[in-house]
């Protein structure tokens, strides 16, 4: 193997997380769509609203106005309220493909979100280190879903 060859580890990202939410599956799924969409923010509480078209083939992107923005992915599969799958480059401006998968199951008023992020391509080290961003987003989803609602 030449010194310029990349290892499999250098070309992939694999993250799995489980998030337990004390809310119904419908409320949790709605909170997920909201957090990935208009209420998205970075770990430093900087608002970064996104558009998520929640249908097969729908886009997930950051709209900067005047036809400017960043394309993150396409809804590959959606089965409300149990599955959301997105594929695309996400935040990486490199030749890379990512698959995000959210599977939701409810039992006894608690919803379990099983999350998987898999990427393959030219992945810079700075992106590989940024995996804690998902924990931040998922905590916001949990907080949003568990927040008291007016009756």
Protein backbone atom coordinates (compact mmCIF):
# COMPACT_ATOMS: atom_id res chain seq x y z
CA UNK A 1 0.00 0.00 0.00
CA UNK A 2 1.39 3.39 -0.94
CA UNK A 3 1.75 6.20 1.57
CA UNK A 4 -0.92 8.19 -0.28
CA UNK A 5 -3.58 5.47 0.09
CA UNK A 6 -6.38 6.25 2.53
CA UNK A 7 -7.50 3.77 5.17
CA UNK A 8 -11.12 2.71 5.41
CA UNK A 9 -11.32 4.57 8.74
CA UNK A 10 -10.19 7.78 7.04
CA UNK A 11 -12.99 7.51 4.47
CA UNK A 12 -15.92 6.63 6.72
CA UNK A 13 -18.03 7.91 9.59
CA UNK A 14 -20.28 5.62 11.60
CA UNK A 15 -22.27 7.01 14.54
CA UNK A 16 -25.09 5.30 16.40
CA UNK A 17 -27.10 6.84 19.22
CA UNK A 18 -30.26 6.01 21.13
CA UNK A 19 -32.35 8.81 22.60
CA UNK A 20 -35.09 8.10 25.13
CA UNK A 21 -37.90 10.65 25.07
CA UNK A 22 -40.74 10.85 27.59
CA UNK A 23 -43.37 11.74 25.00
CA UNK A 24 -45.60 10.01 22.49
CA UNK A 25 -44.15 8.89 19.17
CA UNK A 26 -46.22 11.51 17.29
CA UNK A 27 -45.00 14.38 19.48
CA UNK A 28 -41.41 13.10 19.29
CA UNK A 29 -41.48 12.79 15.49
CA UNK A 30 -42.89 16.32 15.17
CA UNK A 31 -40.14 17.61 17.50
CA UNK A 32 -37.52 15.85 15.36
CA UNK A 33 -38.81 17.50 12.17
CA UNK A 34 -38.91 20.90 13.92
CA UNK A 35 -35.39 20.57 15.32
CA UNK A 36 -33.87 19.43 12.02
CA UNK A 37 -35.84 22.16 10.27
CA UNK A 38 -36.75 25.69 11.39
CA UNK A 39 -35.42 25.37 14.97
CA UNK A 40 -32.02 23.91 14.08
CA UNK A 41 -29.07 25.48 15.87
CA UNK A 42 -25.38 24.84 16.44
CA UNK A 43 -23.77 23.74 19.70
CA UNK A 44 -23.06 27.36 20.61
CA UNK A 45 -26.80 28.20 20.45
CA UNK A 46 -26.36 29.90 17.09
CA UNK A 47 -29.57 29.69 15.10
CA UNK A 48 -29.13 27.82 11.82
CA UNK A 49 -32.66 27.30 10.52
CA UNK A 50 -33.02 24.63 7.87
CA UNK A 51 -35.81 23.62 5.51
CA UNK A 52 -36.89 20.00 5.67
CA UNK A 53 -39.46 18.97 3.09
CA UNK A 54 -40.94 15.97 4.91
CA UNK A 55 -41.88 13.77 1.94
CA UNK A 56 -39.99 11.25 -0.24
CA UNK A 57 -37.59 13.20 -2.44
CA UNK A 58 -37.96 16.31 -0.27
CA UNK A 59 -34.88 18.44 0.26
CA UNK A 60 -33.05 19.25 3.49
CA UNK A 61 -31.21 22.51 3.06
CA UNK A 62 -30.18 25.80 4.60
CA UNK A 63 -31.96 28.66 2.88
CA UNK A 64 -29.92 31.88 2.99
CA UNK A 65 -32.47 33.77 0.87
CA UNK A 66 -32.26 35.14 -2.68
CA UNK A 67 -31.70 31.59 -4.02
CA UNK A 68 -28.55 31.10 -1.91
CA UNK A 69 -27.93 28.31 0.56
CA UNK A 70 -26.47 24.89 1.28
CA UNK A 71 -27.94 21.56 0.15
CA UNK A 72 -27.60 18.90 2.87
CA UNK A 73 -29.63 15.99 1.56
CA UNK A 74 -32.79 14.39 0.24
CA UNK A 75 -35.49 12.51 2.14
CA UNK A 76 -34.87 8.95 1.00
CA UNK A 77 -37.65 7.40 3.09
CA UNK A 78 -40.28 8.68 5.49
CA UNK A 79 -42.97 6.73 7.31
CA UNK A 80 -44.54 9.11 9.82
CA UNK A 81 -44.06 8.74 12.77
CA UNK A 82 -41.63 5.78 12.74
CA UNK A 83 -38.92 6.49 10.14
CA UNK A 84 -36.97 9.37 8.64
CA UNK A 85 -34.06 8.62 6.34
CA UNK A 86 -31.98 11.28 4.58
CA UNK A 87 -29.13 10.84 2.12
CA UNK A 88 -26.72 13.45 0.76
CA UNK A 89 -23.47 15.27 1.51
CA UNK A 90 -24.79 16.99 4.66
CA UNK A 91 -22.40 19.75 5.79
CA UNK A 92 -19.42 18.37 3.87
CA UNK A 93 -18.28 20.12 0.69
CA UNK A 94 -16.30 17.10 -0.46
CA UNK A 95 -17.08 14.04 -2.58
CA UNK A 96 -18.99 12.17 0.11
CA UNK A 97 -22.31 10.36 0.55
CA UNK A 98 -24.15 10.12 3.85
CA UNK A 99 -27.15 8.17 5.06
CA UNK A 100 -28.95 9.35 8.22
CA UNK A 101 -31.60 7.11 9.69
CA UNK A 102 -34.02 7.85 12.52
CA UNK A 103 -36.20 4.94 13.67
CA UNK A 104 -38.77 5.61 16.40
CA UNK A 105 -40.58 3.12 18.64
CA UNK A 106 -42.98 3.89 21.49
CA UNK A 107 -43.56 1.78 24.56
CA UNK A 108 -45.48 2.88 27.65
CA UNK A 109 -45.48 6.58 26.78
CA UNK A 110 -41.71 6.63 26.12
CA UNK A 111 -40.32 6.90 22.60
CA UNK A 112 -36.94 5.46 21.71
CA UNK A 113 -35.17 7.12 18.79
CA UNK A 114 -32.50 4.92 17.18
CA UNK A 115 -30.16 7.11 15.14
CA UNK A 116 -27.52 6.01 12.65
CA UNK A 117 -25.18 8.23 10.61
CA UNK A 118 -23.00 6.55 7.99
CA UNK A 119 -20.78 8.46 5.57
CA UNK A 120 -18.32 7.37 2.93
CA UNK A 121 -15.97 9.47 0.83
CA UNK A 122 -13.28 12.10 1.22
CA UNK A 123 -13.97 12.96 4.86
CA UNK A 124 -11.76 15.56 6.46
CA UNK A 125 -10.51 14.97 10.01
CA UNK A 126 -12.36 18.08 11.23
CA UNK A 127 -15.67 16.49 10.18
CA UNK A 128 -14.84 13.21 11.90
CA UNK A 129 -14.24 15.11 15.17
CA UNK A 130 -17.59 16.96 14.93
CA UNK A 131 -19.73 13.93 15.88
CA UNK A 132 -20.82 15.53 19.18
CA UNK A 133 -23.06 17.88 17.18
CA UNK A 134 -25.62 15.06 16.86
CA UNK A 135 -25.78 14.68 20.65
CA UNK A 136 -26.57 18.38 20.93
CA UNK A 137 -29.32 18.21 18.29
CA UNK A 138 -30.80 15.08 19.83
CA UNK A 139 -30.89 16.64 23.29
CA UNK A 140 -32.80 19.58 21.77
CA UNK A 141 -35.27 17.14 20.17
CA UNK A 142 -35.79 15.48 23.56
CA UNK A 143 -36.30 18.84 25.31
CA UNK A 144 -38.72 20.03 22.62
CA UNK A 145 -40.79 16.83 22.76
CA UNK A 146 -40.89 16.73 26.58
CA UNK A 147 -41.77 20.42 26.99
CA UNK A 148 -45.19 21.12 28.57
CA UNK A 149 -47.93 21.84 26.05
CA UNK A 150 -50.97 24.04 26.47
CA UNK A 151 -54.22 22.06 26.64
